[in-house]
Amino acid sequence: MKAALEAWLLRRWYGGVAPGPGLRLLEFVYRGLRRLHALPWRLGLRKPRRAGAPVVVVGNLVAGGAGKTPLVIALATELARRGFTPGIVSRGHGRRGSDDLDVRRDTPAEVCGDEPLLIARQTGLRVRVARDRAAAAAALVAAGCDLVIADDGLQHRPLHRDLEIEVLDGERRHGNGRLIPAGPLREPAGRAVDFRVVNGGQAGAGEWAMQLVPGDARPLAGGAPRPLGAFAPGPVHAVAGIGNPARFFATLQAAGLQVHGHPFPDHHAFQRAELAFAPPLPLLMTSKDAVKCTGLGLTDAWEVPVQARLPAAFFDAVADRLRPRNPTP
């Protein structure tokens, strides 16, 4: 039911089907509620809380994923190479419970969320999940971080930020340009950000191009990795519980594979029975899904990691904006 509703909405957001009067009415209500929620902040009755160190927020203006987590991993890694000690804060979408916690490599995905666990494993940096992201950011600074990167949270007003980075799907972009639920936008598309990163597609003026490059497939049961080309021509099964599953399937097809794609909702909690596809074939999945499926006892199941590639000038520009300026004599 959830998947059918999501597909129905996506056709209206990105597929050229005009939203009906019911969706447009709900959009009007959403707009009003959003303005009401923002009023105390605009009047200065509520103020964002500072973490005690610079904060960079990586997020979307649209609902759903566009490549935030691979960018957060690349950004944290590159800024660490440039002398920073980053920590990452996340809401931990899809996790059970609401306790604040530091994410370790062996933290169960259902406890911390799939994306925070993936970030912790791939960066080796401090990652903290919390409902109160401002408190989590302050905790990271107290633990020795001199920079906080927020995975998602452009619309999270309680956390003061020094830089905002919007990640945009280069194919979908802002869809039909309407607010939820008539369109995919959480807030108007004209909203200013410091950096705009375009994942795939064509980057425009003032935008930074990002490409997600797949690496060798890794068996979930352990063992030697294999190049994607070793699975060609297939066929293979592929699952993706991410914001845009079609992007992952297209990546595999570009590697020369015949793909039986099985899309799932973002942050889906997989059960083994759901992955028993017929006929039996190699099963390929994203890293975000693999952290939830490693313990399911799957055979011939493979993680396909991706690496976000951007110009070095992008990371230099972000680092330059974060470094303190010497006062003019």
C-alpha atoms as a PDB file:
ATOM      1  CA  MET A   1       0.000   0.000   0.000  1.00  0.00           C
ATOM      2  CA  LYS A   2       2.798   2.387   0.942  1.00  0.00           C
ATOM      3  CA  ALA A   3       4.728   1.578  -2.236  1.00  0.00           C
ATOM      4  CA  ALA A   4       1.615   2.124  -4.381  1.00  0.00           C
ATOM      5  CA  LEU A   5       0.955   5.511  -2.774  1.00  0.00           C
ATOM      6  CA  GLU A   6       4.577   6.512  -3.282  1.00  0.00           C
ATOM      7  CA  ALA A   7       4.425   5.530  -6.968  1.00  0.00           C
ATOM      8  CA  TRP A   8       1.159   7.467  -7.366  1.00  0.00           C
ATOM      9  CA  LEU A   9       2.727  10.603  -5.871  1.00  0.00           C
ATOM     10  CA  LEU A  10       5.940  10.289  -7.895  1.00  0.00           C
ATOM     11  CA  ARG A  11       3.938  10.311 -11.127  1.00  0.00           C
ATOM     12  CA  ARG A  12       2.517  13.686 -10.087  1.00  0.00           C
ATOM     13  CA  TRP A  13       5.766  15.085  -8.738  1.00  0.00           C
ATOM     14  CA  TYR A  14       8.071  13.994 -11.553  1.00  0.00           C
ATOM     15  CA  GLY A  15       6.040  12.147 -14.178  1.00  0.00           C
ATOM     16  CA  GLY A  16       4.092  14.958 -15.800  1.00  0.00           C
ATOM     17  CA  VAL A  17       0.725  14.085 -14.221  1.00  0.00           C
ATOM     18  CA  ALA A  18      -0.917  17.248 -12.866  1.00  0.00           C
ATOM     19  CA  PRO A  19      -1.827  17.141  -9.151  1.00  0.00           C
ATOM     20  CA  GLY A  20      -5.582  17.232  -8.591  1.00  0.00           C
ATOM     21  CA  PRO A  21      -7.551  19.750  -6.531  1.00  0.00           C
ATOM     22  CA  GLY A  22      -7.273  17.632  -3.385  1.00  0.00           C
ATOM     23  CA  LEU A  23      -3.459  17.687  -3.469  1.00  0.00           C
ATOM     24  CA  ARG A  24      -3.445  21.403  -4.266  1.00  0.00           C
ATOM     25  CA  LEU A  25      -5.709  22.075  -1.276  1.00  0.00           C
ATOM     26  CA  LEU A  26      -3.394  20.079   0.981  1.00  0.00           C
ATOM     27  CA  GLU A  27      -0.464  22.017  -0.446  1.00  0.00           C
ATOM     28  CA  PHE A  28      -2.195  25.249   0.613  1.00  0.00           C
ATOM     29  CA  VAL A  29      -2.672  23.849   4.123  1.00  0.00           C
ATOM     30  CA  TYR A  30       0.970  22.702   4.268  1.00  0.00           C
ATOM     31  CA  ARG A  31       2.167  26.134   3.187  1.00  0.00           C
ATOM     32  CA  GLY A  32       0.125  27.786   5.925  1.00  0.00           C
ATOM     33  CA  LEU A  33       1.322  25.371   8.609  1.00  0.00           C
ATOM     34  CA  ARG A  34       4.910  25.871   7.500  1.00  0.00           C
ATOM     35  CA  ARG A  35       4.597  29.643   7.796  1.00  0.00           C
ATOM     36  CA  LEU A  36       2.977  29.302  11.215  1.00  0.00           C
ATOM     37  CA  HIS A  37       5.809  27.049  12.396  1.00  0.00           C
ATOM     38  CA  ALA A  38       8.405  29.536  11.143  1.00  0.00           C
ATOM     39  CA  LEU A  39       6.790  32.568  12.775  1.00  0.00           C
ATOM     40  CA  PRO A  40       8.476  32.336  16.215  1.00  0.00           C
ATOM     41  CA  TRP A  41      11.865  32.081  14.509  1.00  0.00           C
ATOM     42  CA  ARG A  42      11.197  35.037  12.218  1.00  0.00           C
ATOM     43  CA  LEU A  43      10.041  37.167  15.163  1.00  0.00           C
ATOM     44  CA  GLY A  44      13.118  36.234  17.179  1.00  0.00           C
ATOM     45  CA  LEU A  45      11.087  34.497  19.870  1.00  0.00           C
ATOM     46  CA  ARG A  46      13.098  31.345  19.275  1.00  0.00           C
ATOM     47  CA  LYS A  47      16.749  31.239  18.255  1.00  0.00           C
ATOM     48  CA  PRO A  48      18.941  28.468  16.834  1.00  0.00           C
ATOM     49  CA  ARG A  49      21.404  26.927  19.264  1.00  0.00           C
ATOM     50  CA  ARG A  50      25.110  27.050  18.505  1.00  0.00           C
ATOM     51  CA  ALA A  51      27.228  23.938  18.846  1.00  0.00           C
ATOM     52  CA  GLY A  52      30.491  25.654  19.795  1.00  0.00           C
ATOM     53  CA  ALA A  53      32.078  24.831  16.416  1.00  0.00           C
ATOM     54  CA  PRO A  54      31.162  25.419  12.762  1.00  0.00           C
ATOM     55  CA  VAL A  55      28.174  23.418  11.515  1.00  0.00           C
ATOM     56  CA  VAL A  56      27.614  22.329   7.911  1.00  0.00           C
ATOM     57  CA  VAL A  57      24.152  21.053   6.997  1.00  0.00           C
ATOM     58  CA  VAL A  58      23.811  18.763   3.978  1.00  0.00           C
ATOM     59  CA  GLY A  59      20.215  18.305   2.903  1.00  0.00           C
ATOM     60  CA  ASN A  60      17.440  18.520   0.306  1.00  0.00           C
ATOM     61  CA  LEU A  61      14.701  20.946  -0.507  1.00  0.00           C
ATOM     62  CA  VAL A  62      12.699  17.998  -1.824  1.00  0.00           C
ATOM     63  CA  ALA A  63      11.318  14.970  -0.007  1.00  0.00           C
ATOM     64  CA  GLY A  64      13.293  11.787  -0.469  1.00  0.00           C
ATOM     65  CA  GLY A  65      16.945  11.097  -1.118  1.00  0.00           C
ATOM     66  CA  ALA A  66      19.240  12.639  -3.684  1.00  0.00           C
ATOM     67  CA  GLY A  67      22.673  11.432  -2.588  1.00  0.00           C
ATOM     68  CA  LYS A  68      23.112  13.205   0.746  1.00  0.00           C
ATOM     69  CA  THR A  69      24.819  10.350   2.556  1.00  0.00           C
ATOM     70  CA  PRO A  70      27.545   9.685  -0.063  1.00  0.00           C
ATOM     71  CA  LEU A  71      28.233  13.429  -0.102  1.00  0.00           C
ATOM     72  CA  VAL A  72      28.425  13.561   3.722  1.00  0.00           C
ATOM     73  CA  ILE A  73      30.919  10.671   3.651  1.00  0.00           C
ATOM     74  CA  ALA A  74      33.049  12.348   0.984  1.00  0.00           C
ATOM     75  CA  LEU A  75      32.840  15.765   2.656  1.00  0.00           C
ATOM     76  CA  ALA A  76      33.791  14.450   6.100  1.00  0.00           C
ATOM     77  CA  THR A  77      36.676  12.435   4.647  1.00  0.00           C
ATOM     78  CA  GLU A  78      38.056  15.310   2.586  1.00  0.00           C
ATOM     79  CA  LEU A  79      37.726  17.888   5.376  1.00  0.00           C
ATOM     80  CA  ALA A  80      39.530  15.504   7.728  1.00  0.00           C
ATOM     81  CA  ARG A  81      42.358  15.375   5.186  1.00  0.00           C
ATOM     82  CA  ARG A  82      42.433  19.171   5.262  1.00  0.00           C
ATOM     83  CA  GLY A  83      43.051  19.256   8.998  1.00  0.00           C
ATOM     84  CA  PHE A  84      39.555  19.292  10.499  1.00  0.00           C
ATOM     85  CA  THR A  85      38.195  16.842  13.079  1.00  0.00           C
ATOM     86  CA  PRO A  86      34.637  16.334  11.852  1.00  0.00           C
ATOM     87  CA  GLY A  87      31.773  14.719  13.701  1.00  0.00           C
ATOM     88  CA  ILE A  88      28.483  13.789  12.032  1.00  0.00           C
ATOM     89  CA  VAL A  89      25.038  14.250  13.517  1.00  0.00           C
ATOM     90  CA  SER A  90      21.882  12.565  12.211  1.00  0.00           C
ATOM     91  CA  ARG A  91      18.261  12.155  13.181  1.00  0.00           C
ATOM     92  CA  GLY A  92      18.576   8.444  12.416  1.00  0.00           C
ATOM     93  CA  HIS A  93      15.485   8.055  10.239  1.00  0.00           C
ATOM     94  CA  GLY A  94      13.875   4.633  10.382  1.00  0.00           C
ATOM     95  CA  ARG A  95      15.469   3.555  13.670  1.00  0.00           C
ATOM     96  CA  ARG A  96      13.628   2.099  16.639  1.00  0.00           C
ATOM     97  CA  GLY A  97      13.643   4.093  19.831  1.00  0.00           C
ATOM     98  CA  SER A  98      14.647   7.690  20.433  1.00  0.00           C
ATOM     99  CA  ASP A  99      17.667   7.487  22.753  1.00  0.00           C
ATOM    100  CA  ASP A 100      20.668   9.653  21.911  1.00  0.00           C
ATOM    101  CA  LEU A 101      23.669   7.468  21.138  1.00  0.00           C
ATOM    102  CA  ASP A 102      27.091   7.363  19.554  1.00  0.00           C
ATOM    103  CA  VAL A 103      27.166   5.067  16.544  1.00  0.00           C
ATOM    104  CA  ARG A 104      29.831   2.355  16.453  1.00  0.00           C
ATOM    105  CA  ARG A 105      30.722   0.023  13.609  1.00  0.00           C
ATOM    106  CA  ASP A 106      28.831  -2.793  15.364  1.00  0.00           C
ATOM    107  CA  THR A 107      25.733  -0.783  16.363  1.00  0.00           C
ATOM    108  CA  PRO A 108      22.639  -2.544  14.935  1.00  0.00           C
ATOM    109  CA  ALA A 109      21.066  -0.605  12.078  1.00  0.00           C
ATOM    110  CA  GLU A 110      17.622  -0.831  13.666  1.00  0.00           C
ATOM    111  CA  VAL A 111      18.981   0.981  16.735  1.00  0.00           C
ATOM    112  CA  CYS A 112      20.811   3.848  15.015  1.00  0.00           C
ATOM    113  CA  GLY A 113      19.408   3.970  11.470  1.00  0.00           C
ATOM    114  CA  ASP A 114      20.910   2.726   8.217  1.00  0.00           C
ATOM    115  CA  GLU A 115      22.554   5.975   7.085  1.00  0.00           C
ATOM    116  CA  PRO A 116      24.366   6.793  10.369  1.00  0.00           C
ATOM    117  CA  LEU A 117      25.736   3.238  10.515  1.00  0.00           C
ATOM    118  CA  LEU A 118      26.951   3.465   6.923  1.00  0.00           C
ATOM    119  CA  ILE A 119      28.652   6.803   7.639  1.00  0.00           C
ATOM    120  CA  ALA A 120      30.341   5.468  10.779  1.00  0.00           C
ATOM    121  CA  ARG A 121      31.656   2.395   8.960  1.00  0.00           C
ATOM    122  CA  GLN A 122      32.944   4.240   5.907  1.00  0.00           C
ATOM    123  CA  THR A 123      34.518   7.249   7.634  1.00  0.00           C
ATOM    124  CA  GLY A 124      35.654   5.927  11.015  1.00  0.00           C
ATOM    125  CA  LEU A 125      34.614   9.295  12.459  1.00  0.00           C
ATOM    126  CA  ARG A 126      32.349  10.129  15.389  1.00  0.00           C
ATOM    127  CA  VAL A 127      28.658   9.837  14.489  1.00  0.00           C
ATOM    128  CA  ARG A 128      25.840  10.684  16.898  1.00  0.00           C
ATOM    129  CA  VAL A 129      22.123  10.194  16.395  1.00  0.00           C
ATOM    130  CA  ALA A 130      19.575  12.165  18.382  1.00  0.00           C
ATOM    131  CA  ARG A 131      16.140  13.660  18.160  1.00  0.00           C
ATOM    132  CA  ASP A 132      17.689  16.903  19.480  1.00  0.00           C
ATOM    133  CA  ARG A 133      20.326  17.540  16.823  1.00  0.00           C
ATOM    134  CA  ALA A 134      21.564  20.731  18.490  1.00  0.00           C
ATOM    135  CA  ALA A 135      22.340  18.772  21.666  1.00  0.00           C
ATOM    136  CA  ALA A 136      24.005  16.043  19.600  1.00  0.00           C
ATOM    137  CA  ALA A 137      26.177  18.623  17.828  1.00  0.00           C
ATOM    138  CA  ALA A 138      27.244  20.107  21.173  1.00  0.00           C
ATOM    139  CA  ALA A 139      28.086  16.613  22.437  1.00  0.00           C
ATOM    140  CA  LEU A 140      30.332  16.005  19.431  1.00  0.00           C
ATOM    141  CA  VAL A 141      32.172  19.266  20.055  1.00  0.00           C
ATOM    142  CA  ALA A 142      32.584  18.350  23.728  1.00  0.00           C
ATOM    143  CA  ALA A 143      34.101  15.042  22.579  1.00  0.00           C
ATOM    144  CA  GLY A 144      36.786  16.844  20.569  1.00  0.00           C
ATOM    145  CA  CYS A 145      35.259  17.589  17.162  1.00  0.00           C
ATOM    146  CA  ASP A 146      36.029  21.027  15.728  1.00  0.00           C
ATOM    147  CA  LEU A 147      33.443  20.709  12.951  1.00  0.00           C
ATOM    148  CA  VAL A 148      29.935  19.231  12.818  1.00  0.00           C
ATOM    149  CA  ILE A 149      28.335  17.921   9.640  1.00  0.00           C
ATOM    150  CA  ALA A 150      24.571  17.359   9.785  1.00  0.00           C
ATOM    151  CA  ASP A 151      23.263  14.605   7.523  1.00  0.00           C
ATOM    152  CA  ASP A 152      19.944  16.175   6.503  1.00  0.00           C
ATOM    153  CA  GLY A 153      18.332  19.056   8.350  1.00  0.00           C
ATOM    154  CA  LEU A 154      17.984  22.069   6.040  1.00  0.00           C
ATOM    155  CA  GLN A 155      14.512  22.531   7.546  1.00  0.00           C
ATOM    156  CA  HIS A 156      15.664  21.885  11.153  1.00  0.00           C
ATOM    157  CA  ARG A 157      15.672  25.376  12.644  1.00  0.00           C
ATOM    158  CA  PRO A 158      16.868  24.631  16.227  1.00  0.00           C
ATOM    159  CA  LEU A 159      20.422  23.888  15.008  1.00  0.00           C
ATOM    160  CA  HIS A 160      22.460  26.939  14.035  1.00  0.00           C
ATOM    161  CA  ARG A 161      24.430  26.359  10.856  1.00  0.00           C
ATOM    162  CA  ASP A 162      27.357  28.162   9.268  1.00  0.00           C
ATOM    163  CA  LEU A 163      27.038  26.591   5.815  1.00  0.00           C
ATOM    164  CA  GLU A 164      24.160  24.946   3.958  1.00  0.00           C
ATOM    165  CA  ILE A 165      24.642  22.494   1.102  1.00  0.00           C
ATOM    166  CA  GLU A 166      21.683  21.397  -0.988  1.00  0.00           C
ATOM    167  CA  VAL A 167      21.968  18.068  -2.804  1.00  0.00           C
ATOM    168  CA  LEU A 168      19.846  17.905  -5.927  1.00  0.00           C
ATOM    169  CA  ASP A 169      19.016  14.901  -8.090  1.00  0.00           C
ATOM    170  CA  GLY A 170      20.234  16.004 -11.516  1.00  0.00           C
ATOM    171  CA  GLU A 171      17.472  14.133 -13.328  1.00  0.00           C
ATOM    172  CA  ARG A 172      14.515  14.936 -11.085  1.00  0.00           C
ATOM    173  CA  ARG A 173      15.729  18.328  -9.799  1.00  0.00           C
ATOM    174  CA  HIS A 174      12.759  20.105  -8.092  1.00  0.00           C
ATOM    175  CA  GLY A 175      10.110  18.145  -9.989  1.00  0.00           C
ATOM    176  CA  ASN A 176       6.943  20.114 -10.727  1.00  0.00           C
ATOM    177  CA  GLY A 177       8.071  22.926  -8.396  1.00  0.00           C
ATOM    178  CA  ARG A 178       5.152  22.566  -5.989  1.00  0.00           C
ATOM    179  CA  LEU A 179       5.126  22.052  -2.228  1.00  0.00           C
ATOM    180  CA  ILE A 180       4.186  18.784  -0.479  1.00  0.00           C
ATOM    181  CA  PRO A 181       1.956  16.919  -1.218  1.00  0.00           C
ATOM    182  CA  ALA A 182       1.163  18.436  -4.625  1.00  0.00           C
ATOM    183  CA  GLY A 183       4.895  18.387  -5.374  1.00  0.00           C
ATOM    184  CA  PRO A 184       8.134  17.159  -3.792  1.00  0.00           C
ATOM    185  CA  LEU A 185       9.287  20.445  -2.231  1.00  0.00           C
ATOM    186  CA  ARG A 186       9.569  20.797   1.536  1.00  0.00           C
ATOM    187  CA  GLU A 187      10.112  24.533   1.038  1.00  0.00           C
ATOM    188  CA  PRO A 188      10.182  26.863  -1.982  1.00  0.00           C
ATOM    189  CA  ALA A 189      12.844  26.144  -4.586  1.00  0.00           C
ATOM    190  CA  GLY A 190      14.102  29.728  -4.597  1.00  0.00           C
ATOM    191  CA  ARG A 191      15.514  29.411  -1.085  1.00  0.00           C
ATOM    192  CA  ALA A 192      19.194  30.433  -0.903  1.00  0.00           C
ATOM    193  CA  VAL A 193      21.934  27.974   0.104  1.00  0.00           C
ATOM    194  CA  ASP A 194      25.705  28.324   0.206  1.00  0.00           C
ATOM    195  CA  PHE A 195      26.488  25.419  -2.130  1.00  0.00           C
ATOM    196  CA  ARG A 196      24.309  23.416  -4.487  1.00  0.00           C
ATOM    197  CA  VAL A 197      25.549  19.959  -5.496  1.00  0.00           C
ATOM    198  CA  VAL A 198      23.933  18.184  -8.439  1.00  0.00           C
ATOM    199  CA  ASN A 199      24.024  14.388  -8.377  1.00  0.00           C
ATOM    200  CA  GLY A 200      24.180  13.226 -11.990  1.00  0.00           C
ATOM    201  CA  GLY A 201      22.508  15.015 -14.862  1.00  0.00           C
ATOM    202  CA  GLN A 202      23.716  18.444 -15.899  1.00  0.00           C
ATOM    203  CA  ALA A 203      24.994  20.958 -13.345  1.00  0.00           C
ATOM    204  CA  GLY A 204      24.060  24.557 -14.092  1.00  0.00           C
ATOM    205  CA  ALA A 205      25.742  27.856 -13.366  1.00  0.00           C
ATOM    206  CA  GLY A 206      26.863  28.119  -9.759  1.00  0.00           C
ATOM    207  CA  GLU A 207      26.280  24.394  -9.155  1.00  0.00           C
ATOM    208  CA  TRP A 208      28.809  21.661  -8.388  1.00  0.00           C
ATOM    209  CA  ALA A 209      28.626  18.361 -10.272  1.00  0.00           C
ATOM    210  CA  MET A 210      28.768  15.080  -8.334  1.00  0.00           C
ATOM    211  CA  GLN A 211      28.982  11.585  -9.740  1.00  0.00           C
ATOM    212  CA  LEU A 212      28.370   8.380  -7.779  1.00  0.00           C
ATOM    213  CA  VAL A 213      30.957   5.879  -9.003  1.00  0.00           C
ATOM    214  CA  PRO A 214      30.357   2.192  -8.180  1.00  0.00           C
ATOM    215  CA  GLY A 215      33.152   0.042  -6.791  1.00  0.00           C
ATOM    216  CA  ASP A 216      33.678  -3.710  -6.710  1.00  0.00           C
ATOM    217  CA  ALA A 217      30.802  -5.746  -5.289  1.00  0.00           C
ATOM    218  CA  ARG A 218      31.385  -7.189  -1.811  1.00  0.00           C
ATOM    219  CA  PRO A 219      29.746 -10.435  -0.648  1.00  0.00           C
ATOM    220  CA  LEU A 220      27.549  -9.971   2.410  1.00  0.00           C
ATOM    221  CA  ALA A 221      28.687 -13.349   3.742  1.00  0.00           C
ATOM    222  CA  GLY A 222      32.347 -12.328   3.561  1.00  0.00           C
ATOM    223  CA  GLY A 223      34.999 -13.133   1.005  1.00  0.00           C
ATOM    224  CA  ALA A 224      36.740 -11.532  -1.933  1.00  0.00           C
ATOM    225  CA  PRO A 225      35.095  -8.669  -3.836  1.00  0.00           C
ATOM    226  CA  ARG A 226      34.233  -8.976  -7.515  1.00  0.00           C
ATOM    227  CA  PRO A 227      34.158  -6.327 -10.243  1.00  0.00           C
ATOM    228  CA  LEU A 228      30.662  -5.515 -11.438  1.00  0.00           C
ATOM    229  CA  GLY A 229      31.688  -6.661 -14.880  1.00  0.00           C
ATOM    230  CA  ALA A 230      32.118 -10.192 -13.514  1.00  0.00           C
ATOM    231  CA  PHE A 231      28.324 -10.408 -13.191  1.00  0.00           C
ATOM    232  CA  ALA A 232      27.771  -9.448 -16.834  1.00  0.00           C
ATOM    233  CA  PRO A 233      25.649 -10.017 -18.719  1.00  0.00           C
ATOM    234  CA  GLY A 234      23.538 -11.324 -15.858  1.00  0.00           C
ATOM    235  CA  PRO A 235      20.728 -11.571 -15.236  1.00  0.00           C
ATOM    236  CA  VAL A 236      20.812 -10.421 -11.592  1.00  0.00           C
ATOM    237  CA  HIS A 237      18.283  -9.380  -8.998  1.00  0.00           C
ATOM    238  CA  ALA A 238      18.766  -5.901  -7.516  1.00  0.00           C
ATOM    239  CA  VAL A 239      17.055  -4.313  -4.524  1.00  0.00           C
ATOM    240  CA  ALA A 240      17.130  -0.687  -3.458  1.00  0.00           C
ATOM    241  CA  GLY A 241      15.401   0.881  -0.471  1.00  0.00           C
ATOM    242  CA  ILE A 242      16.607   4.396  -1.230  1.00  0.00           C
ATOM    243  CA  GLY A 243      15.073   7.669  -2.378  1.00  0.00           C
ATOM    244  CA  ASN A 244      15.475   6.918  -6.087  1.00  0.00           C
ATOM    245  CA  PRO A 245      15.851   3.141  -6.680  1.00  0.00           C
ATOM    246  CA  ALA A 246      15.856   3.603 -10.456  1.00  0.00           C
ATOM    247  CA  ARG A 247      19.241   5.363 -10.200  1.00  0.00           C
ATOM    248  CA  PHE A 248      20.829   2.256  -8.663  1.00  0.00           C
ATOM    249  CA  PHE A 249      19.278  -0.039 -11.259  1.00  0.00           C
ATOM    250  CA  ALA A 250      20.535   2.252 -14.031  1.00  0.00           C
ATOM    251  CA  THR A 251      24.052   2.112 -12.550  1.00  0.00           C
ATOM    252  CA  LEU A 252      24.020  -1.676 -12.797  1.00  0.00           C
ATOM    253  CA  GLN A 253      22.635  -1.578 -16.329  1.00  0.00           C
ATOM    254  CA  ALA A 254      25.398   0.837 -17.322  1.00  0.00           C
ATOM    255  CA  ALA A 255      27.879  -1.827 -16.157  1.00  0.00           C
ATOM    256  CA  GLY A 256      26.388  -4.211 -18.719  1.00  0.00           C
ATOM    257  CA  LEU A 257      24.051  -6.174 -16.450  1.00  0.00           C
ATOM    258  CA  GLN A 258      20.546  -7.402 -17.168  1.00  0.00           C
ATOM    259  CA  VAL A 259      18.710  -6.260 -14.040  1.00  0.00           C
ATOM    260  CA  HIS A 260      15.521  -7.490 -12.393  1.00  0.00           C
ATOM    261  CA  GLY A 261      14.919  -4.429 -10.215  1.00  0.00           C
ATOM    262  CA  HIS A 262      12.971  -4.637  -6.948  1.00  0.00           C
ATOM    263  CA  PRO A 263      12.356  -1.160  -5.481  1.00  0.00           C
ATOM    264  CA  PHE A 264      11.486  -0.748  -1.808  1.00  0.00           C
ATOM    265  CA  PRO A 265      10.556   2.342   0.231  1.00  0.00           C
ATOM    266  CA  ASP A 266      13.374   4.462   1.594  1.00  0.00           C
ATOM    267  CA  HIS A 267      14.796   3.117   4.903  1.00  0.00           C
ATOM    268  CA  HIS A 268      12.900  -0.152   4.441  1.00  0.00           C
ATOM    269  CA  ALA A 269      13.508  -2.777   7.156  1.00  0.00           C
ATOM    270  CA  PHE A 270      14.123  -5.910   5.086  1.00  0.00           C
ATOM    271  CA  GLN A 271      12.965  -9.406   5.996  1.00  0.00           C
ATOM    272  CA  ARG A 272      14.648 -12.459   4.506  1.00  0.00           C
ATOM    273  CA  ALA A 273      11.433 -13.734   2.928  1.00  0.00           C
ATOM    274  CA  GLU A 274      11.086 -10.498   0.939  1.00  0.00           C
ATOM    275  CA  LEU A 275      14.394 -11.201  -0.786  1.00  0.00           C
ATOM    276  CA  ALA A 276      13.634 -14.779  -1.896  1.00  0.00           C
ATOM    277  CA  PHE A 277      13.196 -13.910  -5.556  1.00  0.00           C
ATOM    278  CA  ALA A 278      12.683 -16.459  -8.319  1.00  0.00           C
ATOM    279  CA  PRO A 279      14.582 -17.634 -10.170  1.00  0.00           C
ATOM    280  CA  PRO A 280      17.632 -17.729  -7.853  1.00  0.00           C
ATOM    281  CA  LEU A 281      20.213 -15.239  -9.152  1.00  0.00           C
ATOM    282  CA  PRO A 282      22.968 -13.102  -7.663  1.00  0.00           C
ATOM    283  CA  LEU A 283      21.366 -10.394  -5.510  1.00  0.00           C
ATOM    284  CA  LEU A 284      22.927  -6.933  -5.662  1.00  0.00           C
ATOM    285  CA  MET A 285      22.060  -4.079  -3.302  1.00  0.00           C
ATOM    286  CA  THR A 286      23.192  -0.639  -2.180  1.00  0.00           C
ATOM    287  CA  SER A 287      25.492  -0.153   0.814  1.00  0.00           C
ATOM    288  CA  LYS A 288      22.632   1.527   2.660  1.00  0.00           C
ATOM    289  CA  ASP A 289      20.553  -1.641   2.296  1.00  0.00           C
ATOM    290  CA  ALA A 290      23.491  -3.977   2.951  1.00  0.00           C
ATOM    291  CA  VAL A 291      23.989  -2.711   6.523  1.00  0.00           C
ATOM    292  CA  LYS A 292      20.465  -3.982   7.275  1.00  0.00           C
ATOM    293  CA  CYS A 293      20.727  -7.258   5.355  1.00  0.00           C
ATOM    294  CA  THR A 294      24.127  -8.597   6.446  1.00  0.00           C
ATOM    295  CA  GLY A 295      22.635 -10.666   9.270  1.00  0.00           C
ATOM    296  CA  LEU A 296      19.784 -12.189   7.260  1.00  0.00           C
ATOM    297  CA  GLY A 297      21.778 -15.231   6.135  1.00  0.00           C
ATOM    298  CA  LEU A 298      21.477 -14.433   2.436  1.00  0.00           C
ATOM    299  CA  THR A 299      23.502 -16.464  -0.055  1.00  0.00           C
ATOM    300  CA  ASP A 300      24.955 -14.962  -3.221  1.00  0.00           C
ATOM    301  CA  ALA A 301      24.079 -11.452  -2.002  1.00  0.00           C
ATOM    302  CA  TRP A 302      26.403  -8.546  -2.801  1.00  0.00           C
ATOM    303  CA  GLU A 303      26.846  -4.957  -1.682  1.00  0.00           C
ATOM    304  CA  VAL A 304      27.652  -2.453  -4.434  1.00  0.00           C
ATOM    305  CA  PRO A 305      29.375   0.530  -2.794  1.00  0.00           C
ATOM    306  CA  VAL A 306      29.486   3.928  -4.463  1.00  0.00           C
ATOM    307  CA  GLN A 307      31.890   6.809  -4.007  1.00  0.00           C
ATOM    308  CA  ALA A 308      30.885  10.449  -4.474  1.00  0.00           C
ATOM    309  CA  ARG A 309      33.286  12.215  -6.787  1.00  0.00           C
ATOM    310  CA  LEU A 310      33.408  15.998  -6.931  1.00  0.00           C
ATOM    311  CA  PRO A 311      36.075  18.491  -7.998  1.00  0.00           C
ATOM    312  CA  ALA A 312      38.778  19.066  -5.386  1.00  0.00           C
ATOM    313  CA  ALA A 313      37.923  22.758  -5.747  1.00  0.00           C
ATOM    314  CA  PHE A 314      34.555  22.082  -4.103  1.00  0.00           C
ATOM    315  CA  PHE A 315      36.114  20.698  -0.921  1.00  0.00           C
ATOM    316  CA  ASP A 316      38.699  23.508  -0.963  1.00  0.00           C
ATOM    317  CA  ALA A 317      35.912  26.087  -1.223  1.00  0.00           C
ATOM    318  CA  VAL A 318      33.998  24.558   1.707  1.00  0.00           C
ATOM    319  CA  ALA A 319      37.153  24.356   3.833  1.00  0.00           C
ATOM    320  CA  ASP A 320      38.020  27.958   3.026  1.00  0.00           C
ATOM    321  CA  ARG A 321      34.578  29.126   4.157  1.00  0.00           C
ATOM    322  CA  LEU A 322      34.964  27.259   7.455  1.00  0.00           C
ATOM    323  CA  ARG A 323      38.397  28.499   8.434  1.00  0.00           C
ATOM    324  CA  PRO A 324      38.466  31.569  10.706  1.00  0.00           C
ATOM    325  CA  ARG A 325      39.375  34.841   9.050  1.00  0.00           C
ATOM    326  CA  ASN A 326      42.279  36.863  10.372  1.00  0.00           C
ATOM    327  CA  PRO A 327      41.116  40.336  11.357  1.00  0.00           C
ATOM    328  CA  THR A 328      42.343  43.186   9.169  1.00  0.00           C
ATOM    329  CA  PRO A 329      45.055  45.194  11.007  1.00  0.00           C
END
